Amino acid sequence: MLDETLKSSRNKTVGIKQTQRALEKGIVRRVFVAKDAEQHVLRPILESCRTLGIEMVEIPTMIDLGKACGIEVGSAVAALLNE
């Protein structure tokens, strides 16, 4: 289900910078976070999600999250957008 949700969605972000920008714009519906990503990299995203009350879903690995997004490399963070 996760694969289909992220892969098929046209309204998503993949990666720290894109997701942070979307959070700042207030257009994020749900954030997916890889458990094996470095915590200092994730911290700003996690803090923004907690502050804004956005649902966070943990994914086992960065590789799993990358595959779910339809990319060949791992990703620490991805998000589904409202728009």
Foldseek 3Di string as FASTA:
>chain_A
DLLCVQQVAPAKFFAQVVLLVLLVVVFFAEKEFEPPDDCVSCVVVVVSCVVVVHHYHYDDHQCVVCVSNVHRGGTGMMTGTND
